[in-house]
Protein backbone atom coordinates (compact mmCIF):
# COMPACT_ATOMS: atom_id res chain seq x y z
CA MET A 1 45.62 106.07 8.09
CA ALA A 2 42.85 107.98 7.22
CA ASP A 3 41.06 107.37 10.20
CA THR A 4 44.00 108.43 12.83
CA ARG A 5 44.25 111.36 10.63
CA ALA A 6 40.86 112.38 10.80
CA ARG A 7 40.85 111.97 14.57
CA SER A 8 44.38 113.68 14.93
CA LYS A 9 42.44 116.84 12.81
CA ARG A 10 39.95 116.92 15.71
CA HIS A 11 42.83 117.41 18.25
CA ASP A 12 44.45 120.31 16.34
CA GLU A 13 44.63 122.38 19.59
CA SER A 14 46.45 119.12 21.34
CA GLN A 15 50.37 119.95 21.93
CA VAL A 16 51.40 116.34 22.25
CA GLY A 17 53.31 116.29 19.01
CA PRO A 18 55.24 119.35 19.40
CA ARG A 19 56.03 118.84 22.97
CA LEU A 20 56.86 115.36 21.54
CA ARG A 21 59.45 116.83 19.42
CA ALA A 22 60.79 119.22 22.12
CA THR A 23 61.28 116.68 24.82
CA ARG A 24 63.47 114.28 21.58
CA LYS A 25 65.56 116.99 20.92
CA ALA A 26 65.90 118.17 24.60
CA HIS A 27 67.20 114.91 24.93
CA GLY A 28 69.84 115.13 21.89
CA MET A 29 67.85 112.56 19.80
CA THR A 30 67.15 111.99 16.18
CA ILE A 31 64.13 110.99 15.08
CA ALA A 32 65.70 108.00 13.57
CA GLN A 33 67.30 107.57 17.18
CA LEU A 34 63.76 107.50 18.80
CA ALA A 35 62.59 105.22 16.02
CA GLU A 36 65.65 102.52 16.70
CA GLU A 37 64.95 102.74 20.31
CA THR A 38 61.01 102.12 20.21
CA GLY A 39 60.86 100.12 17.08
CA LEU A 40 58.42 102.73 15.43
CA SER A 41 59.17 104.06 12.20
CA ASN A 42 60.73 107.39 11.46
CA GLY A 43 57.61 108.62 9.30
CA PHE A 44 55.24 107.86 12.00
CA ILE A 45 57.27 109.28 14.66
CA SER A 46 57.71 112.63 12.32
CA LEU A 47 53.88 112.49 11.59
CA LEU A 48 52.92 112.12 15.18
CA GLU A 49 55.17 115.10 16.37
CA ARG A 50 53.22 117.06 13.46
CA ASN A 51 49.99 116.02 15.24
CA GLU A 52 48.98 114.26 11.80
CA VAL A 53 48.34 110.86 13.61
CA ALA A 54 47.17 109.51 16.46
CA ALA A 55 49.10 106.75 18.79
CA SER A 56 47.69 104.14 20.83
CA VAL A 57 48.29 104.37 24.64
CA ALA A 58 50.69 101.54 24.40
CA THR A 59 52.89 103.52 21.67
CA LEU A 60 52.73 106.93 23.66
CA ILE A 61 54.09 104.73 26.66
CA ARG A 62 56.93 103.28 24.89
CA LEU A 63 57.85 106.80 23.26
CA CYS A 64 58.13 108.47 26.68
CA ASP A 65 59.64 105.49 28.33
CA ALA A 66 62.60 106.01 25.67
CA LEU A 67 62.68 109.28 26.50
CA ASP A 68 62.70 109.21 30.02
CA VAL A 69 59.48 111.06 30.58
CA SER A 70 55.80 110.84 31.93
CA ILE A 71 53.26 110.97 29.30
CA GLY A 72 51.79 113.75 31.82
CA SER A 73 54.55 115.75 30.64
CA LEU A 74 53.53 115.96 27.13
CA PHE A 75 50.40 117.69 28.69
CA GLU A 76 51.53 119.79 31.24
CA GLN A 77 50.40 123.86 31.19
CA ARG A 78 52.66 126.69 31.94
CA ASP A 79 50.28 128.78 33.58
CA GLY A 80 46.88 129.06 35.54
CA ALA A 81 45.60 127.73 39.16
CA GLY A 82 43.90 124.66 40.08
CA LEU A 83 40.81 125.65 38.82
CA VAL A 84 39.72 124.23 35.38
CA ARG A 85 36.44 125.48 34.01
CA ARG A 86 34.52 123.62 31.49
CA GLU A 87 35.02 125.79 28.81
CA ASP A 88 38.49 125.87 29.54
CA ARG A 89 39.10 122.42 29.48
CA PRO A 90 42.26 121.12 27.53
CA PRO A 91 41.96 119.00 24.73
CA ALA A 92 44.13 116.30 25.26
CA ASN A 93 45.43 113.08 23.50
CA PHE A 94 46.37 110.33 25.98
CA GLY A 95 46.35 107.50 23.02
CA GLY A 96 43.79 105.44 21.94
CA TYR A 97 41.64 105.27 18.55
CA GLY A 98 38.33 107.01 18.19
CA VAL A 99 38.82 109.04 21.41
CA ARG A 100 38.27 112.60 22.56
CA ASP A 101 40.02 113.55 25.62
CA THR A 102 39.68 116.20 27.97
CA LEU A 103 42.26 116.55 31.25
CA LEU A 104 39.86 117.64 33.78
CA THR A 105 42.47 118.12 36.45
CA TRP A 106 45.05 121.02 36.58
CA ALA A 107 47.97 119.87 34.64
CA GLY A 108 50.20 121.33 37.65
CA GLN A 109 48.38 118.59 39.75
CA ARG A 110 50.92 115.75 40.86
CA GLN A 111 48.73 113.59 43.21
CA LEU A 112 46.02 112.98 40.84
CA GLU A 113 44.89 113.12 37.25
CA VAL A 114 41.27 112.86 35.84
CA ILE A 115 40.64 112.28 32.12
CA GLU A 116 37.17 112.66 30.57
CA SER A 117 36.71 110.81 27.45
CA ARG A 118 34.43 110.32 24.62
CA VAL A 119 35.04 107.06 22.90
CA ASP A 120 33.45 106.46 19.69
CA PRO A 121 31.61 103.42 18.93
CA SER A 122 34.11 100.39 18.55
CA GLY A 123 36.82 103.03 19.86
CA HIS A 124 39.62 101.35 21.82
CA SER A 125 43.10 101.87 23.15
CA GLY A 126 44.95 99.90 20.65
CA GLU A 127 45.64 96.33 19.43
CA GLY A 128 48.06 95.53 22.24
CA MET A 129 47.96 95.87 25.97
CA HIS A 130 49.59 98.65 27.66
CA SER A 131 50.51 99.59 31.03
CA PHE A 132 52.22 102.39 32.82
CA GLU A 133 53.87 103.48 36.35
CA ALA A 134 51.47 104.72 38.59
CA ASP A 135 49.85 103.54 42.15
CA SER A 136 46.02 103.15 41.08
CA GLU A 137 43.66 103.77 38.37
CA MET A 138 40.07 103.86 38.29
CA ILE A 139 37.60 103.40 35.28
CA TYR A 140 34.54 105.14 35.73
CA VAL A 141 31.51 104.76 33.20
CA ILE A 142 29.19 107.90 32.78
CA ALA A 143 27.51 106.91 29.71
CA GLY A 144 27.58 103.91 27.23
CA ALA A 145 29.79 100.82 27.83
CA LEU A 146 33.29 99.78 28.09
CA ASP A 147 35.03 96.23 27.99
CA VAL A 148 38.18 96.06 29.55
CA GLU A 149 40.56 93.45 29.74
CA ILE A 150 43.42 92.82 32.32
CA GLU A 151 45.94 90.25 31.69
CA GLU A 152 43.34 87.23 31.52
CA GLN A 153 40.26 88.87 33.17
CA PHE A 154 37.67 90.59 31.06
CA PHE A 155 34.94 93.06 32.60
CA HIS A 156 31.92 94.71 30.69
CA LEU A 157 31.20 97.94 32.62
CA ARG A 158 27.98 99.61 31.78
CA ARG A 159 26.88 103.53 33.04
CA GLY A 160 27.54 103.90 36.67
CA ASP A 161 29.90 100.94 36.81
CA ALA A 162 33.41 101.57 38.48
CA LEU A 163 36.59 99.84 38.17
CA THR A 164 39.61 100.07 40.18
CA LEU A 165 42.99 98.42 38.69
CA ASN A 166 46.82 98.29 38.75
CA PRO A 167 47.82 100.38 36.08
CA ARG A 168 51.15 98.64 36.04
CA ALA A 169 48.93 95.25 34.79
CA PRO A 170 49.28 94.85 31.17
CA HIS A 171 45.33 95.83 29.97
CA ARG A 172 43.24 97.14 27.04
CA TRP A 173 39.95 99.02 26.43
CA GLN A 174 37.49 99.00 24.08
CA ASN A 175 33.64 100.41 23.40
CA PRO A 176 31.71 97.44 22.27
CA SER A 177 29.01 99.35 20.90
CA ARG A 178 28.75 100.02 17.03
CA THR A 179 26.62 102.56 17.47
CA ARG A 180 26.79 104.25 20.85
CA GLU A 181 29.40 106.69 21.99
CA ALA A 182 30.70 105.93 25.86
CA ASP A 183 31.70 108.73 28.16
CA ILE A 184 34.65 107.58 30.61
CA LEU A 185 36.37 109.14 33.60
CA TRP A 186 39.87 107.81 34.18
CA ILE A 187 41.25 108.60 37.44
CA ILE A 188 45.08 108.08 38.19
CA THR A 189 47.26 108.67 41.26
CA PRO A 190 49.81 109.70 41.60
CA ALA A 191 49.22 112.16 38.08
CA GLY A 192 51.81 111.73 35.48
CA LEU A 193 50.53 108.87 33.00
């Protein structure tokens, strides 16, 4: 719990929690109803809505499925054009542990979503496999390494490697290094993770 709270504090600017709360309320659901629907605890959902804990990718997908929304809807910006300047990149929390995400594509973009992640040593997507509705996902390693497991296949990616996969196939990932961060690009079509 301390690890997830520390990670969450680095993402104070993230709007995932408040947007999750607003979405839940817009659907007329109580925390207890959402907890029952997802199998998560009331306390966890309450902490997540206040940005006090992080969630795995699989957990965010489960919550959004129960609310019948895309994960991308939790990150949409209300203003702006298609330009995202380096200094204006919005922090995001697409799930996982030991991960700092920024959205590189304008949130209004519907055909393509590009996320840059800095994955701490041993950072990972969560214990279980996850999948989501999209046509294609590409993982590109800018620096460091990333281990990716897709169903029963295993890939060890190093700097410069790119892996294209079907995001509907159950998968998970982890930075195998105990000492080095990894910089990763996630490219998803269409947008809406």
